[in-house]
Amino acid sequence: MKQKQPQTSDKNEKNLNQVIKIDEAKIKTHLGEMVRENVEEILNTLLDAEADQFCHAHRYGRTKARKNHPVRFS
């Protein structure tokens, strides 16, 4: 004796397909913004570290070795 598959499963599957909708354009835009923000943060961190090394002090820090005058290149 064969059992019939309920036809409601097809209907349920169609309903589930309508529940979950993904807007790929929004996802790409959001990911692009996240990447840009992370790259910006990393670059700023690197620039701050380079400036600290160049000045021989941390930002707003005071040391005897600190160079706080502009360097002139000839």
N, C-alpha and C. Protein backbone atom coordinates (compact mmCIF):
# COMPACT_ATOMS: atom_id res chain seq x y z
N MET A 1 0.82 -1.17 0.00
CA MET A 1 0.00 0.00 0.00
C MET A 1 0.88 1.25 0.00
N LYS A 2 0.70 2.09 -0.98
CA LYS A 2 1.48 3.31 -1.10
C LYS A 2 0.81 4.43 -0.33
N GLN A 3 1.66 5.20 0.34
CA GLN A 3 1.12 6.37 1.02
C GLN A 3 1.32 7.59 0.14
N LYS A 4 0.31 8.41 0.10
CA LYS A 4 0.40 9.62 -0.70
C LYS A 4 1.15 10.69 0.07
N GLN A 5 2.02 11.39 -0.64
CA GLN A 5 2.71 12.54 -0.07
C GLN A 5 1.71 13.67 0.06
N PRO A 6 1.68 14.33 1.16
CA PRO A 6 0.74 15.44 1.28
C PRO A 6 1.12 16.57 0.34
N GLN A 7 0.14 17.16 -0.29
CA GLN A 7 0.36 18.25 -1.23
C GLN A 7 0.68 19.55 -0.50
N THR A 8 0.44 19.59 0.77
CA THR A 8 0.71 20.81 1.54
C THR A 8 2.19 21.11 1.63
N SER A 9 3.06 20.10 1.45
CA SER A 9 4.50 20.36 1.54
C SER A 9 4.95 21.31 0.43
N ASP A 10 4.40 21.16 -0.77
CA ASP A 10 4.73 22.08 -1.86
C ASP A 10 4.26 23.49 -1.52
N LYS A 11 3.10 23.58 -0.96
CA LYS A 11 2.54 24.87 -0.58
C LYS A 11 3.39 25.51 0.53
N ASN A 12 3.79 24.70 1.51
CA ASN A 12 4.63 25.20 2.60
C ASN A 12 5.98 25.67 2.09
N GLU A 13 6.54 24.93 1.14
CA GLU A 13 7.83 25.31 0.57
C GLU A 13 7.73 26.65 -0.15
N LYS A 14 6.66 26.86 -0.88
CA LYS A 14 6.45 28.13 -1.57
C LYS A 14 6.30 29.26 -0.56
N ASN A 15 5.61 29.00 0.53
CA ASN A 15 5.44 30.02 1.57
C ASN A 15 6.77 30.36 2.23
N LEU A 16 7.59 29.34 2.48
CA LEU A 16 8.90 29.58 3.09
C LEU A 16 9.80 30.40 2.16
N ASN A 17 9.71 30.15 0.87
CA ASN A 17 10.49 30.93 -0.09
C ASN A 17 10.13 32.40 -0.07
N GLN A 18 8.90 32.68 0.30
CA GLN A 18 8.45 34.06 0.36
C GLN A 18 8.83 34.72 1.69
N VAL A 19 9.08 33.94 2.71
CA VAL A 19 9.42 34.47 4.03
C VAL A 19 10.83 35.03 4.04
N ILE A 20 11.77 34.32 3.48
CA ILE A 20 13.17 34.73 3.50
C ILE A 20 13.52 35.37 2.17
N LYS A 21 13.76 36.67 2.23
CA LYS A 21 14.17 37.39 1.03
C LYS A 21 15.48 38.09 1.32
N ILE A 22 16.41 37.98 0.43
CA ILE A 22 17.73 38.58 0.60
C ILE A 22 17.93 39.63 -0.47
N ASP A 23 18.25 40.83 -0.03
CA ASP A 23 18.53 41.92 -0.95
C ASP A 23 20.04 41.98 -1.13
N GLU A 24 20.53 41.38 -2.21
CA GLU A 24 21.97 41.29 -2.43
C GLU A 24 22.62 42.66 -2.55
N ALA A 25 21.95 43.61 -3.13
CA ALA A 25 22.51 44.95 -3.28
C ALA A 25 22.76 45.59 -1.91
N LYS A 26 21.81 45.41 -0.98
CA LYS A 26 21.99 45.97 0.37
C LYS A 26 23.14 45.27 1.09
N ILE A 27 23.25 43.97 0.91
CA ILE A 27 24.34 43.22 1.55
C ILE A 27 25.68 43.68 1.02
N LYS A 28 25.80 43.84 -0.29
CA LYS A 28 27.06 44.29 -0.88
C LYS A 28 27.41 45.69 -0.41
N THR A 29 26.40 46.57 -0.33
CA THR A 29 26.65 47.94 0.14
C THR A 29 27.12 47.91 1.58
N HIS A 30 26.45 47.14 2.41
CA HIS A 30 26.82 47.05 3.83
C HIS A 30 28.22 46.48 4.00
N LEU A 31 28.54 45.43 3.27
CA LEU A 31 29.87 44.83 3.36
C LEU A 31 30.94 45.82 2.88
N GLY A 32 30.63 46.56 1.81
CA GLY A 32 31.57 47.57 1.32
C GLY A 32 31.84 48.64 2.37
N GLU A 33 30.79 49.07 3.08
CA GLU A 33 30.97 50.07 4.13
C GLU A 33 31.80 49.51 5.28
N MET A 34 31.54 48.25 5.64
CA MET A 34 32.30 47.62 6.73
C MET A 34 33.78 47.52 6.36
N VAL A 35 34.06 47.11 5.14
CA VAL A 35 35.45 46.98 4.70
C VAL A 35 36.13 48.35 4.71
N ARG A 36 35.44 49.37 4.17
CA ARG A 36 36.00 50.72 4.13
C ARG A 36 36.30 51.22 5.54
N GLU A 37 35.38 51.02 6.48
CA GLU A 37 35.59 51.46 7.86
C GLU A 37 36.77 50.74 8.50
N ASN A 38 36.89 49.43 8.26
CA ASN A 38 38.00 48.67 8.83
C ASN A 38 39.34 49.10 8.24
N VAL A 39 39.38 49.32 6.93
CA VAL A 39 40.61 49.77 6.29
C VAL A 39 40.99 51.14 6.82
N GLU A 40 40.01 52.02 6.96
CA GLU A 40 40.27 53.36 7.49
C GLU A 40 40.84 53.29 8.91
N GLU A 41 40.26 52.45 9.74
CA GLU A 41 40.73 52.30 11.12
C GLU A 41 42.17 51.76 11.16
N ILE A 42 42.45 50.78 10.32
CA ILE A 42 43.80 50.20 10.27
C ILE A 42 44.82 51.24 9.80
N LEU A 43 44.47 51.98 8.74
CA LEU A 43 45.40 53.00 8.24
C LEU A 43 45.65 54.10 9.27
N ASN A 44 44.60 54.52 9.96
CA ASN A 44 44.78 55.55 10.99
C ASN A 44 45.64 55.04 12.13
N THR A 45 45.48 53.78 12.51
CA THR A 45 46.32 53.19 13.56
C THR A 45 47.78 53.16 13.12
N LEU A 46 48.01 52.76 11.87
CA LEU A 46 49.38 52.73 11.35
C LEU A 46 49.99 54.13 11.29
N LEU A 47 49.21 55.11 10.84
CA LEU A 47 49.70 56.48 10.78
C LEU A 47 50.01 57.04 12.17
N ASP A 48 49.16 56.74 13.14
CA ASP A 48 49.41 57.18 14.52
C ASP A 48 50.69 56.55 15.06
N ALA A 49 50.89 55.26 14.79
CA ALA A 49 52.10 54.58 15.26
C ALA A 49 53.34 55.18 14.59
N GLU A 50 53.24 55.48 13.31
CA GLU A 50 54.36 56.09 12.61
C GLU A 50 54.67 57.47 13.17
N ALA A 51 53.63 58.25 13.46
CA ALA A 51 53.83 59.58 14.04
C ALA A 51 54.46 59.49 15.43
N ASP A 52 54.02 58.53 16.23
CA ASP A 52 54.60 58.32 17.56
C ASP A 52 56.09 57.99 17.46
N GLN A 53 56.42 57.14 16.52
CA GLN A 53 57.81 56.74 16.33
C GLN A 53 58.64 57.94 15.84
N PHE A 54 58.09 58.70 14.93
CA PHE A 54 58.79 59.85 14.37
C PHE A 54 59.05 60.92 15.43
N CYS A 55 58.05 61.13 16.30
CA CYS A 55 58.17 62.17 17.33
C CYS A 55 58.88 61.69 18.60
N HIS A 56 59.12 60.39 18.69
CA HIS A 56 59.72 59.78 19.88
C HIS A 56 58.84 59.98 21.11
N ALA A 57 57.52 60.00 20.93
CA ALA A 57 56.57 60.09 22.04
C ALA A 57 55.18 59.74 21.52
N HIS A 58 54.35 59.30 22.45
CA HIS A 58 52.96 59.03 22.08
C HIS A 58 52.21 60.34 21.91
N ARG A 59 51.07 60.27 21.28
CA ARG A 59 50.26 61.46 21.05
C ARG A 59 50.02 62.18 22.37
N TYR A 60 50.27 63.46 22.39
CA TYR A 60 50.14 64.34 23.55
C TYR A 60 51.11 63.98 24.68
N GLY A 61 51.99 63.02 24.43
CA GLY A 61 52.96 62.64 25.44
C GLY A 61 54.15 63.59 25.44
N ARG A 62 54.78 63.70 26.56
CA ARG A 62 55.96 64.56 26.69
C ARG A 62 57.15 63.72 27.14
N THR A 63 58.20 63.80 26.38
CA THR A 63 59.45 63.15 26.77
C THR A 63 60.58 64.11 26.39
N LYS A 64 61.74 63.88 26.99
CA LYS A 64 62.90 64.73 26.68
C LYS A 64 63.32 64.55 25.22
N ALA A 65 63.09 63.37 24.68
CA ALA A 65 63.52 63.09 23.30
C ALA A 65 62.49 63.52 22.26
N ARG A 66 61.35 64.01 22.73
CA ARG A 66 60.27 64.35 21.78
C ARG A 66 60.72 65.43 20.81
N LYS A 67 60.38 65.20 19.54
CA LYS A 67 60.64 66.19 18.50
C LYS A 67 59.29 66.78 18.11
N ASN A 68 59.05 68.01 18.52
CA ASN A 68 57.74 68.59 18.21
C ASN A 68 57.85 69.75 17.24
N HIS A 69 58.98 69.87 16.60
CA HIS A 69 59.13 70.93 15.60
C HIS A 69 59.06 70.30 14.22
N PRO A 70 58.59 71.04 13.24
CA PRO A 70 58.49 70.47 11.91
C PRO A 70 59.87 70.18 11.32
N VAL A 71 59.95 69.13 10.57
CA VAL A 71 61.19 68.78 9.90
C VAL A 71 61.17 69.46 8.54
N ARG A 72 62.24 70.14 8.22
CA ARG A 72 62.34 70.82 6.93
C ARG A 72 63.28 70.03 6.03
N PHE A 73 62.78 69.72 4.88
CA PHE A 73 63.59 69.00 3.90
C PHE A 73 64.11 69.99 2.89
N SER A 74 65.40 69.91 2.60
CA SER A 74 65.99 70.85 1.64
C SER A 74 66.18 70.19 0.31
